[in-house]
Amino acid sequence: MPDFKLPFKLYIDASGDGLGAALHQVQIINDKPVEGPICFISRQIKPTEARYGASQMECLCLVWALEKLNYFLEGCVFEVITDFTAVKSLLNMKTPNRHMLRWQIAIQEYRGNMTIVHKDGNIHKNADGLSRWPLPNNIDNLLMCQKKLHHKFHPNILNLPSLHSINYWIAH
């Protein structure tokens, strides 16, 4: 379970196939700091997004991940780890295009709590794998994931996010 008093690490990556993000947190276990996963998300890119350049895809990935993981990140300190330097400049662009401007506005609420760090791509294979092999965005995959979750977790944990929220995620 996440500790909302500790900072999070959000690994993001985009590819020609999809978007992927992995939310991690360093917690103290047996008196040692251990980075462990909290949540993994991915989705296929939409046909209109297939025309985006690499910079736009990576920035889209950040905005999408922040939207989907808002429950965990709102009001918390976190670090975004990306393998693409353009994401670092998203907050400070002087003349962004219309997509970048919209995304710049969308992430303003995180500005004081978020730092964006560029690290080599081999650091975050977790997000890379999620972006390269995303599941199709359909109800069959949702039901399969729900069924698997019921076997692994206590029912109270499954209420976050609720089935309704996950359906919303798939639809949008």
N, C-alpha and C. Protein backbone atom coordinates (compact mmCIF):
# COMPACT_ATOMS: atom_id res chain seq x y z
N MET A 1 0.84 -1.19 0.00
CA MET A 1 0.00 0.00 0.00
C MET A 1 0.88 1.25 0.00
N PRO A 2 0.47 2.26 -0.71
CA PRO A 2 1.28 3.48 -0.74
C PRO A 2 1.21 4.24 0.58
N ASP A 3 2.29 4.95 0.88
CA ASP A 3 2.34 5.85 2.03
C ASP A 3 2.32 7.26 1.45
N PHE A 4 1.21 7.97 1.65
CA PHE A 4 1.03 9.28 1.01
C PHE A 4 1.90 10.37 1.63
N LYS A 5 2.63 10.04 2.68
CA LYS A 5 3.57 11.00 3.26
C LYS A 5 4.93 10.92 2.59
N LEU A 6 5.18 9.85 1.86
CA LEU A 6 6.46 9.65 1.18
C LEU A 6 6.33 10.03 -0.30
N PRO A 7 7.42 10.47 -0.93
CA PRO A 7 7.36 10.84 -2.35
C PRO A 7 7.18 9.61 -3.25
N PHE A 8 6.60 9.84 -4.40
CA PHE A 8 6.40 8.81 -5.41
C PHE A 8 7.40 9.01 -6.54
N LYS A 9 7.57 7.97 -7.36
CA LYS A 9 8.33 8.04 -8.61
C LYS A 9 7.41 7.56 -9.72
N LEU A 10 7.26 8.39 -10.75
CA LEU A 10 6.41 8.05 -11.88
C LEU A 10 7.28 7.89 -13.12
N TYR A 11 7.41 6.66 -13.58
CA TYR A 11 8.16 6.36 -14.80
C TYR A 11 7.19 6.40 -15.97
N ILE A 12 7.52 7.14 -17.02
CA ILE A 12 6.63 7.23 -18.18
C ILE A 12 7.39 6.91 -19.46
N ASP A 13 6.65 6.39 -20.45
CA ASP A 13 7.25 6.14 -21.76
C ASP A 13 6.14 6.03 -22.79
N ALA A 14 6.43 6.51 -23.98
CA ALA A 14 5.50 6.41 -25.11
C ALA A 14 6.21 5.73 -26.27
N SER A 15 5.46 4.98 -27.04
CA SER A 15 6.01 4.36 -28.24
C SER A 15 4.98 4.53 -29.35
N GLY A 16 5.28 4.00 -30.51
CA GLY A 16 4.33 4.07 -31.61
C GLY A 16 3.10 3.22 -31.39
N ASP A 17 3.14 2.35 -30.39
CA ASP A 17 2.01 1.47 -30.10
C ASP A 17 1.14 1.94 -28.94
N GLY A 18 1.76 2.56 -27.93
CA GLY A 18 0.96 2.92 -26.77
C GLY A 18 1.69 3.81 -25.78
N LEU A 19 1.01 4.05 -24.67
CA LEU A 19 1.54 4.84 -23.56
C LEU A 19 1.66 3.93 -22.36
N GLY A 20 2.71 4.12 -21.58
CA GLY A 20 2.88 3.31 -20.38
C GLY A 20 3.41 4.14 -19.23
N ALA A 21 2.98 3.79 -18.03
CA ALA A 21 3.46 4.48 -16.83
C ALA A 21 3.52 3.49 -15.68
N ALA A 22 4.52 3.67 -14.86
CA ALA A 22 4.69 2.83 -13.67
C ALA A 22 4.90 3.75 -12.47
N LEU A 23 4.04 3.62 -11.49
CA LEU A 23 4.14 4.43 -10.28
C LEU A 23 4.83 3.60 -9.20
N HIS A 24 5.91 4.13 -8.67
CA HIS A 24 6.70 3.44 -7.65
C HIS A 24 6.83 4.33 -6.42
N GLN A 25 7.29 3.72 -5.34
CA GLN A 25 7.55 4.48 -4.12
C GLN A 25 8.66 3.78 -3.35
N VAL A 26 9.56 4.59 -2.80
CA VAL A 26 10.61 4.05 -1.94
C VAL A 26 10.07 4.02 -0.52
N GLN A 27 10.03 2.83 0.05
CA GLN A 27 9.57 2.66 1.42
C GLN A 27 10.66 1.96 2.22
N ILE A 28 10.62 2.15 3.52
CA ILE A 28 11.59 1.51 4.40
C ILE A 28 11.05 0.14 4.80
N ILE A 29 11.76 -0.89 4.41
CA ILE A 29 11.39 -2.27 4.75
C ILE A 29 12.60 -2.92 5.39
N ASN A 30 12.42 -3.41 6.62
CA ASN A 30 13.53 -4.00 7.39
C ASN A 30 14.71 -3.03 7.47
N ASP A 31 14.40 -1.77 7.76
CA ASP A 31 15.40 -0.71 7.92
C ASP A 31 16.20 -0.40 6.66
N LYS A 32 15.71 -0.81 5.49
CA LYS A 32 16.39 -0.53 4.24
C LYS A 32 15.42 0.13 3.26
N PRO A 33 15.89 1.13 2.51
CA PRO A 33 15.01 1.73 1.49
C PRO A 33 14.84 0.78 0.31
N VAL A 34 13.59 0.51 -0.03
CA VAL A 34 13.27 -0.40 -1.13
C VAL A 34 12.26 0.28 -2.05
N GLU A 35 12.60 0.38 -3.34
CA GLU A 35 11.65 0.94 -4.30
C GLU A 35 10.76 -0.18 -4.80
N GLY A 36 9.46 0.02 -4.64
CA GLY A 36 8.51 -1.00 -5.06
C GLY A 36 7.39 -0.40 -5.89
N PRO A 37 6.75 -1.23 -6.71
CA PRO A 37 5.67 -0.74 -7.56
C PRO A 37 4.38 -0.50 -6.78
N ILE A 38 3.66 0.51 -7.19
CA ILE A 38 2.34 0.81 -6.63
C ILE A 38 1.27 0.51 -7.67
N CYS A 39 1.52 0.93 -8.92
CA CYS A 39 0.50 0.79 -9.96
C CYS A 39 1.16 0.83 -11.33
N PHE A 40 0.63 0.04 -12.27
CA PHE A 40 1.06 0.06 -13.66
C PHE A 40 -0.15 0.37 -14.54
N ILE A 41 0.03 1.24 -15.51
CA ILE A 41 -1.05 1.54 -16.45
C ILE A 41 -0.49 1.62 -17.87
N SER A 42 -1.33 1.26 -18.83
CA SER A 42 -0.95 1.42 -20.23
C SER A 42 -2.21 1.51 -21.07
N ARG A 43 -2.04 2.05 -22.25
CA ARG A 43 -3.14 2.08 -23.22
C ARG A 43 -2.57 2.20 -24.62
N GLN A 44 -3.37 1.76 -25.58
CA GLN A 44 -2.99 1.93 -26.97
C GLN A 44 -3.16 3.39 -27.37
N ILE A 45 -2.37 3.80 -28.36
CA ILE A 45 -2.57 5.16 -28.87
C ILE A 45 -3.80 5.16 -29.78
N LYS A 46 -4.43 6.31 -29.86
CA LYS A 46 -5.61 6.48 -30.71
C LYS A 46 -5.15 6.83 -32.12
N PRO A 47 -5.98 6.58 -33.13
CA PRO A 47 -5.56 6.87 -34.51
C PRO A 47 -5.10 8.31 -34.72
N THR A 48 -5.74 9.27 -34.08
CA THR A 48 -5.32 10.67 -34.24
C THR A 48 -3.97 10.93 -33.59
N GLU A 49 -3.64 10.19 -32.54
CA GLU A 49 -2.36 10.37 -31.85
C GLU A 49 -1.20 9.75 -32.62
N ALA A 50 -1.50 8.85 -33.54
CA ALA A 50 -0.44 8.18 -34.31
C ALA A 50 0.35 9.17 -35.16
N ARG A 51 -0.21 10.34 -35.41
CA ARG A 51 0.48 11.36 -36.21
C ARG A 51 1.41 12.22 -35.37
N TYR A 52 1.33 12.13 -34.06
CA TYR A 52 2.16 12.97 -33.19
C TYR A 52 3.63 12.62 -33.35
N GLY A 53 4.47 13.63 -33.19
CA GLY A 53 5.90 13.40 -33.15
C GLY A 53 6.31 12.84 -31.79
N ALA A 54 7.57 12.49 -31.66
CA ALA A 54 8.06 11.88 -30.42
C ALA A 54 7.87 12.80 -29.22
N SER A 55 8.14 14.09 -29.39
CA SER A 55 7.99 15.04 -28.28
C SER A 55 6.55 15.10 -27.80
N GLN A 56 5.62 15.19 -28.75
CA GLN A 56 4.21 15.25 -28.38
C GLN A 56 3.75 13.95 -27.72
N MET A 57 4.21 12.82 -28.21
CA MET A 57 3.81 11.53 -27.63
C MET A 57 4.26 11.42 -26.17
N GLU A 58 5.49 11.82 -25.90
CA GLU A 58 6.00 11.72 -24.53
C GLU A 58 5.26 12.68 -23.59
N CYS A 59 4.97 13.88 -24.08
CA CYS A 59 4.22 14.84 -23.25
C CYS A 59 2.78 14.36 -23.05
N LEU A 60 2.18 13.79 -24.09
CA LEU A 60 0.85 13.20 -23.95
C LEU A 60 0.87 12.11 -22.88
N CYS A 61 1.90 11.31 -22.88
CA CYS A 61 2.02 10.23 -21.89
C CYS A 61 2.04 10.79 -20.47
N LEU A 62 2.78 11.86 -20.26
CA LEU A 62 2.83 12.48 -18.93
C LEU A 62 1.45 12.97 -18.51
N VAL A 63 0.79 13.71 -19.38
CA VAL A 63 -0.53 14.26 -19.05
C VAL A 63 -1.53 13.14 -18.79
N TRP A 64 -1.52 12.12 -19.61
CA TRP A 64 -2.42 10.97 -19.45
C TRP A 64 -2.16 10.26 -18.12
N ALA A 65 -0.88 10.03 -17.81
CA ALA A 65 -0.54 9.34 -16.56
C ALA A 65 -0.96 10.16 -15.34
N LEU A 66 -0.74 11.47 -15.39
CA LEU A 66 -1.15 12.32 -14.27
C LEU A 66 -2.66 12.29 -14.09
N GLU A 67 -3.39 12.29 -15.18
CA GLU A 67 -4.85 12.23 -15.11
C GLU A 67 -5.31 10.91 -14.50
N LYS A 68 -4.74 9.81 -14.94
CA LYS A 68 -5.16 8.49 -14.47
C LYS A 68 -4.71 8.20 -13.05
N LEU A 69 -3.58 8.76 -12.64
CA LEU A 69 -3.03 8.48 -11.31
C LEU A 69 -3.25 9.64 -10.34
N ASN A 70 -4.16 10.51 -10.68
CA ASN A 70 -4.44 11.67 -9.84
C ASN A 70 -4.76 11.28 -8.40
N TYR A 71 -5.46 10.17 -8.21
CA TYR A 71 -5.81 9.70 -6.86
C TYR A 71 -4.56 9.56 -5.99
N PHE A 72 -3.49 9.04 -6.58
CA PHE A 72 -2.25 8.83 -5.83
C PHE A 72 -1.42 10.11 -5.71
N LEU A 73 -1.43 10.94 -6.74
CA LEU A 73 -0.46 12.03 -6.84
C LEU A 73 -0.94 13.40 -6.38
N GLU A 74 -2.24 13.61 -6.33
CA GLU A 74 -2.75 14.93 -5.96
C GLU A 74 -2.29 15.30 -4.55
N GLY A 75 -1.59 16.41 -4.45
CA GLY A 75 -1.11 16.90 -3.16
C GLY A 75 0.14 16.22 -2.65
N CYS A 76 0.69 15.26 -3.40
CA CYS A 76 1.89 14.53 -2.97
C CYS A 76 3.11 15.01 -3.76
N VAL A 77 4.26 14.85 -3.18
CA VAL A 77 5.52 15.14 -3.86
C VAL A 77 5.88 13.92 -4.70
N PHE A 78 6.28 14.16 -5.96
CA PHE A 78 6.68 13.04 -6.80
C PHE A 78 7.66 13.49 -7.87
N GLU A 79 8.38 12.51 -8.38
CA GLU A 79 9.39 12.72 -9.41
C GLU A 79 8.95 11.96 -10.65
N VAL A 80 8.96 12.63 -11.79
CA VAL A 80 8.65 11.99 -13.06
C VAL A 80 9.98 11.62 -13.71
N ILE A 81 10.12 10.36 -14.07
CA ILE A 81 11.34 9.90 -14.73
C ILE A 81 10.99 9.57 -16.17
N THR A 82 11.68 10.23 -17.10
CA THR A 82 11.43 10.05 -18.52
C THR A 82 12.75 9.85 -19.26
N ASP A 83 12.67 9.19 -20.41
CA ASP A 83 13.87 9.02 -21.23
C ASP A 83 13.89 10.02 -22.39
N PHE A 84 13.02 11.02 -22.33
CA PHE A 84 12.92 11.99 -23.42
C PHE A 84 13.01 13.39 -22.84
N THR A 85 14.00 14.15 -23.27
CA THR A 85 14.27 15.46 -22.65
C THR A 85 13.17 16.49 -22.88
N ALA A 86 12.38 16.35 -23.94
CA ALA A 86 11.33 17.34 -24.23
C ALA A 86 10.32 17.45 -23.10
N VAL A 87 10.10 16.38 -22.38
CA VAL A 87 9.13 16.40 -21.28
C VAL A 87 9.57 17.39 -20.21
N LYS A 88 10.88 17.47 -19.98
CA LYS A 88 11.40 18.42 -18.98
C LYS A 88 11.06 19.86 -19.34
N SER A 89 11.01 20.16 -20.62
CA SER A 89 10.77 21.54 -21.04
C SER A 89 9.30 21.88 -21.18
N LEU A 90 8.41 20.92 -21.02
CA LEU A 90 6.97 21.18 -21.20
C LEU A 90 6.47 22.30 -20.31
N LEU A 91 6.88 22.32 -19.06
CA LEU A 91 6.39 23.34 -18.13
C LEU A 91 6.84 24.75 -18.49
N ASN A 92 7.99 24.87 -19.15
CA ASN A 92 8.57 26.20 -19.38
C ASN A 92 8.61 26.64 -20.84
N MET A 93 7.88 25.97 -21.72
CA MET A 93 7.88 26.35 -23.13
C MET A 93 7.34 27.77 -23.30
N LYS A 94 8.02 28.56 -24.10
CA LYS A 94 7.60 29.95 -24.34
C LYS A 94 6.54 30.04 -25.43
N THR A 95 6.68 29.24 -26.49
CA THR A 95 5.72 29.28 -27.60
C THR A 95 5.27 27.86 -27.96
N PRO A 96 4.49 27.23 -27.10
CA PRO A 96 4.06 25.86 -27.39
C PRO A 96 2.98 25.82 -28.47
N ASN A 97 2.91 24.69 -29.19
CA ASN A 97 1.81 24.52 -30.15
C ASN A 97 0.53 24.27 -29.36
N ARG A 98 -0.59 24.11 -30.04
CA ARG A 98 -1.87 24.02 -29.33
C ARG A 98 -1.97 22.81 -28.41
N HIS A 99 -1.43 21.66 -28.83
CA HIS A 99 -1.45 20.49 -27.95
C HIS A 99 -0.61 20.73 -26.71
N MET A 100 0.60 21.20 -26.94
CA MET A 100 1.52 21.42 -25.82
C MET A 100 0.97 22.47 -24.86
N LEU A 101 0.34 23.51 -25.38
CA LEU A 101 -0.24 24.54 -24.52
C LEU A 101 -1.35 23.94 -23.65
N ARG A 102 -2.21 23.15 -24.26
CA ARG A 102 -3.29 22.51 -23.50
C ARG A 102 -2.71 21.60 -22.42
N TRP A 103 -1.67 20.85 -22.75
CA TRP A 103 -1.05 19.94 -21.77
C TRP A 103 -0.31 20.72 -20.70
N GLN A 104 0.31 21.82 -21.10
CA GLN A 104 1.01 22.68 -20.14
C GLN A 104 0.03 23.17 -19.08
N ILE A 105 -1.13 23.58 -19.51
CA ILE A 105 -2.16 24.05 -18.57
C ILE A 105 -2.65 22.89 -17.70
N ALA A 106 -2.82 21.71 -18.30
CA ALA A 106 -3.34 20.55 -17.57
C ALA A 106 -2.44 20.11 -16.42
N ILE A 107 -1.14 20.33 -16.53
CA ILE A 107 -0.24 19.85 -15.47
C ILE A 107 0.15 20.94 -14.47
N GLN A 108 -0.40 22.14 -14.62
CA GLN A 108 -0.05 23.24 -13.71
C GLN A 108 -0.34 22.91 -12.25
N GLU A 109 -1.40 22.16 -11.97
CA GLU A 109 -1.74 21.87 -10.58
C GLU A 109 -0.66 21.05 -9.86
N TYR A 110 0.20 20.38 -10.62
CA TYR A 110 1.25 19.56 -10.03
C TYR A 110 2.58 20.30 -9.93
N ARG A 111 2.65 21.50 -10.46
CA ARG A 111 3.91 22.23 -10.61
C ARG A 111 4.75 22.29 -9.33
N GLY A 112 4.16 22.59 -8.20
CA GLY A 112 4.93 22.72 -6.96
C GLY A 112 5.39 21.41 -6.37
N ASN A 113 4.73 20.31 -6.73
CA ASN A 113 5.04 19.00 -6.14
C ASN A 113 5.78 18.07 -7.08
N MET A 114 5.90 18.43 -8.34
CA MET A 114 6.45 17.53 -9.35
C MET A 114 7.81 18.03 -9.84
N THR A 115 8.76 17.11 -9.93
CA THR A 115 10.02 17.40 -10.61
C THR A 115 10.14 16.40 -11.76
N ILE A 116 10.67 16.86 -12.88
CA ILE A 116 10.83 16.00 -14.05
C ILE A 116 12.32 15.77 -14.25
N VAL A 117 12.69 14.51 -14.33
CA VAL A 117 14.09 14.11 -14.43
C VAL A 117 14.27 13.26 -15.68
N HIS A 118 15.32 13.57 -16.44
CA HIS A 118 15.65 12.74 -17.60
C HIS A 118 16.67 11.69 -17.17
N LYS A 119 16.38 10.45 -17.49
CA LYS A 119 17.32 9.35 -17.25
C LYS A 119 17.33 8.47 -18.49
N ASP A 120 18.43 7.81 -18.70
CA ASP A 120 18.59 6.93 -19.84
C ASP A 120 17.46 5.90 -19.90
N GLY A 121 17.05 5.53 -21.10
CA GLY A 121 15.93 4.62 -21.29
C GLY A 121 16.08 3.26 -20.65
N ASN A 122 17.32 2.80 -20.46
CA ASN A 122 17.47 1.48 -19.85
C ASN A 122 17.17 1.48 -18.36
N ILE A 123 16.95 2.67 -17.78
CA ILE A 123 16.60 2.78 -16.36
C ILE A 123 15.16 2.33 -16.12
N HIS A 124 14.27 2.65 -17.03
CA HIS A 124 12.86 2.33 -16.79
C HIS A 124 12.27 1.45 -17.87
N LYS A 125 12.68 0.22 -17.83
CA LYS A 125 12.14 -0.77 -18.76
C LYS A 125 10.69 -1.11 -18.42
N ASN A 126 10.29 -0.82 -17.17
CA ASN A 126 8.91 -1.10 -16.78
C ASN A 126 7.93 -0.30 -17.63
N ALA A 127 8.10 1.01 -17.69
CA ALA A 127 7.21 1.86 -18.49
C ALA A 127 7.41 1.59 -19.98
N ASP A 128 8.62 1.29 -20.40
CA ASP A 128 8.91 0.99 -21.79
C ASP A 128 8.13 -0.24 -22.25
N GLY A 129 8.15 -1.28 -21.45
CA GLY A 129 7.41 -2.50 -21.79
C GLY A 129 5.91 -2.26 -21.85
N LEU A 130 5.41 -1.46 -20.93
CA LEU A 130 3.97 -1.16 -20.92
C LEU A 130 3.55 -0.39 -22.17
N SER A 131 4.42 0.50 -22.65
CA SER A 131 4.06 1.29 -23.83
C SER A 131 4.18 0.48 -25.12
N ARG A 132 5.06 -0.49 -25.15
CA ARG A 132 5.29 -1.25 -26.38
C ARG A 132 4.31 -2.41 -26.58
N TRP A 133 3.73 -2.90 -25.48
CA TRP A 133 2.79 -4.01 -25.57
C TRP A 133 1.51 -3.72 -24.79
N PRO A 134 0.82 -2.62 -25.13
CA PRO A 134 -0.40 -2.29 -24.38
C PRO A 134 -1.54 -3.24 -24.76
N LEU A 135 -2.41 -3.49 -23.80
CA LEU A 135 -3.61 -4.26 -24.10
C LEU A 135 -4.58 -3.37 -24.87
N PRO A 136 -5.38 -3.96 -25.74
CA PRO A 136 -6.41 -3.15 -26.41
C PRO A 136 -7.34 -2.51 -25.39
N ASN A 137 -7.80 -1.32 -25.70
CA ASN A 137 -8.69 -0.59 -24.80
C ASN A 137 -10.13 -1.05 -25.02
N ASN A 138 -10.46 -2.23 -24.48
CA ASN A 138 -11.83 -2.71 -24.63
C ASN A 138 -12.32 -3.35 -23.34
N ILE A 139 -13.61 -3.62 -23.30
CA ILE A 139 -14.25 -4.11 -22.08
C ILE A 139 -13.79 -5.53 -21.73
N ASP A 140 -13.42 -6.35 -22.71
CA ASP A 140 -12.96 -7.71 -22.41
C ASP A 140 -11.71 -7.69 -21.54
N ASN A 141 -10.78 -6.79 -21.86
CA ASN A 141 -9.57 -6.69 -21.05
C ASN A 141 -9.86 -6.14 -19.67
N LEU A 142 -10.81 -5.24 -19.58
CA LEU A 142 -11.21 -4.71 -18.28
C LEU A 142 -11.74 -5.84 -17.39
N LEU A 143 -12.63 -6.66 -17.93
CA LEU A 143 -13.22 -7.74 -17.14
C LEU A 143 -12.17 -8.76 -16.75
N MET A 144 -11.23 -9.05 -17.67
CA MET A 144 -10.16 -9.99 -17.36
C MET A 144 -9.29 -9.44 -16.22
N CYS A 145 -8.96 -8.15 -16.26
CA CYS A 145 -8.16 -7.55 -15.20
C CYS A 145 -8.91 -7.56 -13.88
N GLN A 146 -10.20 -7.25 -13.91
CA GLN A 146 -10.99 -7.26 -12.68
C GLN A 146 -11.00 -8.65 -12.06
N LYS A 147 -11.17 -9.68 -12.90
CA LYS A 147 -11.21 -11.06 -12.40
C LYS A 147 -9.88 -11.42 -11.75
N LYS A 148 -8.77 -11.07 -12.38
CA LYS A 148 -7.45 -11.36 -11.81
C LYS A 148 -7.23 -10.60 -10.52
N LEU A 149 -7.69 -9.36 -10.46
CA LEU A 149 -7.53 -8.57 -9.24
C LEU A 149 -8.28 -9.17 -8.07
N HIS A 150 -9.47 -9.71 -8.33
CA HIS A 150 -10.26 -10.30 -7.25
C HIS A 150 -9.55 -11.48 -6.61
N HIS A 151 -8.73 -12.18 -7.38
CA HIS A 151 -8.00 -13.31 -6.83
C HIS A 151 -6.78 -12.89 -6.02
N LYS A 152 -6.24 -11.70 -6.28
CA LYS A 152 -4.98 -11.29 -5.66
C LYS A 152 -5.13 -10.34 -4.48
N PHE A 153 -6.19 -9.55 -4.44
CA PHE A 153 -6.28 -8.49 -3.45
C PHE A 153 -7.51 -8.60 -2.58
N HIS A 154 -7.41 -7.99 -1.43
CA HIS A 154 -8.54 -7.86 -0.52
C HIS A 154 -9.62 -7.03 -1.21
N PRO A 155 -10.91 -7.36 -1.05
CA PRO A 155 -11.97 -6.62 -1.74
C PRO A 155 -11.97 -5.11 -1.50
N ASN A 156 -11.53 -4.65 -0.34
CA ASN A 156 -11.53 -3.20 -0.08
C ASN A 156 -10.57 -2.47 -1.02
N ILE A 157 -9.47 -3.11 -1.37
CA ILE A 157 -8.49 -2.48 -2.27
C ILE A 157 -9.09 -2.32 -3.66
N LEU A 158 -9.96 -3.24 -4.05
CA LEU A 158 -10.53 -3.19 -5.39
C LEU A 158 -11.47 -2.01 -5.58
N ASN A 159 -11.87 -1.37 -4.52
CA ASN A 159 -12.73 -0.20 -4.66
C ASN A 159 -11.97 1.02 -5.15
N LEU A 160 -10.65 0.96 -5.21
CA LEU A 160 -9.83 2.08 -5.66
C LEU A 160 -8.95 1.63 -6.82
N PRO A 161 -9.20 1.98 -8.03
CA PRO A 161 -10.37 2.67 -8.53
C PRO A 161 -11.54 1.71 -8.68
N SER A 162 -12.72 2.21 -8.65
CA SER A 162 -13.91 1.37 -8.77
C SER A 162 -14.06 0.90 -10.21
N LEU A 163 -14.90 -0.09 -10.39
CA LEU A 163 -15.16 -0.59 -11.74
C LEU A 163 -15.67 0.54 -12.62
N HIS A 164 -16.51 1.41 -12.06
CA HIS A 164 -17.03 2.54 -12.83
C HIS A 164 -15.88 3.42 -13.32
N SER A 165 -14.91 3.69 -12.46
CA SER A 165 -13.77 4.53 -12.85
C SER A 165 -12.96 3.87 -13.94
N ILE A 166 -12.76 2.56 -13.83
CA ILE A 166 -11.98 1.85 -14.84
C ILE A 166 -12.72 1.88 -16.17
N ASN A 167 -14.04 1.71 -16.15
CA ASN A 167 -14.80 1.82 -17.39
C ASN A 167 -14.62 3.20 -18.00
N TYR A 168 -14.59 4.23 -17.17
CA TYR A 168 -14.37 5.59 -17.66
C TYR A 168 -12.98 5.69 -18.29
N TRP A 169 -11.98 5.08 -17.66
CA TRP A 169 -10.62 5.12 -18.19
C TRP A 169 -10.58 4.54 -19.60
N ILE A 170 -11.25 3.42 -19.78
CA ILE A 170 -11.22 2.76 -21.08
C ILE A 170 -11.94 3.60 -22.13
N ALA A 171 -13.05 4.19 -21.75
CA ALA A 171 -13.83 4.97 -22.70
C ALA A 171 -13.13 6.26 -23.12
N HIS A 172 -12.23 6.75 -22.31
CA HIS A 172 -11.59 8.04 -22.62
C HIS A 172 -10.14 7.82 -22.84
